[in-house]
Amino acid sequence: MAAALSGAEVGAAVGIIAGPLGAACGGFAGAILAGLVAGAAGCATGAAFGEALDVKVLNNWRCLACGRTFTVRPD
């Protein structure tokens, strides 16, 4: 939310060159772009954290023959 607000402020400042309509459109576009960038960054961070949690903490491997769960420890 803070990134979208910041993006809206930047977009409005850049759009002010085109007048009030440009400021409104620039603010809207800035908020959309900032939201997309922040969402992508959050997604990448969450995926990396989830992968690390799966590998290092959880018993996330299951033997297909016997069904037992285990953790793989890197050497």
Protein backbone atom coordinates (compact mmCIF):
# COMPACT_ATOMS: atom_id res chain seq x y z
CA MET A 1 0.00 0.00 0.00
CA ALA A 2 2.83 2.37 0.83
CA ALA A 3 4.54 1.57 -2.46
CA ALA A 4 1.35 2.29 -4.39
CA LEU A 5 0.91 5.61 -2.59
CA SER A 6 4.53 6.54 -3.26
CA GLY A 7 4.13 5.54 -6.92
CA ALA A 8 0.99 7.64 -7.16
CA GLU A 9 2.83 10.66 -5.80
CA VAL A 10 5.69 10.22 -8.26
CA GLY A 11 3.29 9.66 -11.14
CA ALA A 12 1.30 12.76 -10.23
CA ALA A 13 4.48 14.84 -10.00
CA VAL A 14 5.60 13.70 -13.44
CA GLY A 15 2.11 14.08 -14.90
CA ILE A 16 1.72 17.65 -13.66
CA ILE A 17 3.62 18.73 -16.77
CA ALA A 18 0.49 17.91 -18.79
CA GLY A 19 -1.81 19.76 -16.41
CA PRO A 20 -4.45 18.54 -13.96
CA LEU A 21 -5.62 15.67 -16.18
CA GLY A 22 -2.01 14.56 -16.66
CA ALA A 23 -1.45 14.63 -12.90
CA ALA A 24 -4.53 12.46 -12.33
CA CYS A 25 -3.56 9.97 -15.05
CA GLY A 26 0.08 9.97 -13.91
CA GLY A 27 -0.94 9.32 -10.31
CA PHE A 28 -3.16 6.44 -11.35
CA ALA A 29 -0.48 4.92 -13.61
CA GLY A 30 2.18 5.37 -10.92
CA ALA A 31 0.03 3.59 -8.34
CA ILE A 32 -0.65 0.68 -10.72
CA LEU A 33 3.02 0.29 -11.68
CA ALA A 34 4.23 0.53 -8.08
CA GLY A 35 1.65 -2.06 -7.02
CA LEU A 36 2.77 -4.45 -9.75
CA VAL A 37 6.46 -4.04 -8.87
CA ALA A 38 5.79 -4.49 -5.15
CA GLY A 39 3.63 -7.54 -5.85
CA ALA A 40 6.33 -9.14 -7.98
CA ALA A 41 8.97 -8.47 -5.33
CA GLY A 42 6.72 -9.93 -2.62
CA CYS A 43 6.01 -12.99 -4.73
CA ALA A 44 9.71 -13.64 -5.34
CA THR A 45 10.53 -13.14 -1.66
CA GLY A 46 7.71 -15.45 -0.57
CA ALA A 47 8.73 -18.15 -3.02
CA ALA A 48 12.36 -18.03 -1.88
CA PHE A 49 11.34 -18.12 1.78
CA GLY A 50 8.96 -21.02 1.17
CA GLU A 51 11.62 -22.99 -0.68
CA ALA A 52 14.15 -22.42 2.12
CA LEU A 53 11.56 -23.41 4.73
CA ASP A 54 10.70 -26.59 2.82
CA VAL A 55 14.31 -27.63 2.39
CA LYS A 56 15.70 -26.71 5.82
CA VAL A 57 12.84 -27.08 8.31
CA LEU A 58 9.97 -29.26 7.17
CA ASN A 59 9.90 -32.99 6.57
CA ASN A 60 9.03 -32.42 2.97
CA TRP A 61 10.21 -35.59 1.23
CA ARG A 62 8.15 -38.78 1.14
CA CYS A 63 9.35 -42.21 0.09
CA LEU A 64 7.08 -43.48 -2.66
CA ALA A 65 7.70 -47.11 -1.66
CA CYS A 66 6.96 -46.97 2.09
CA GLY A 67 5.38 -43.51 2.62
CA ARG A 68 7.86 -42.39 5.28
CA THR A 69 8.71 -38.64 5.39
CA PHE A 70 12.25 -37.40 5.81
CA THR A 71 14.42 -34.30 5.47
CA VAL A 72 17.32 -34.11 3.06
CA ARG A 73 20.35 -32.52 4.66
CA PRO A 74 22.92 -31.04 2.26
CA ASP A 75 26.50 -32.19 2.86
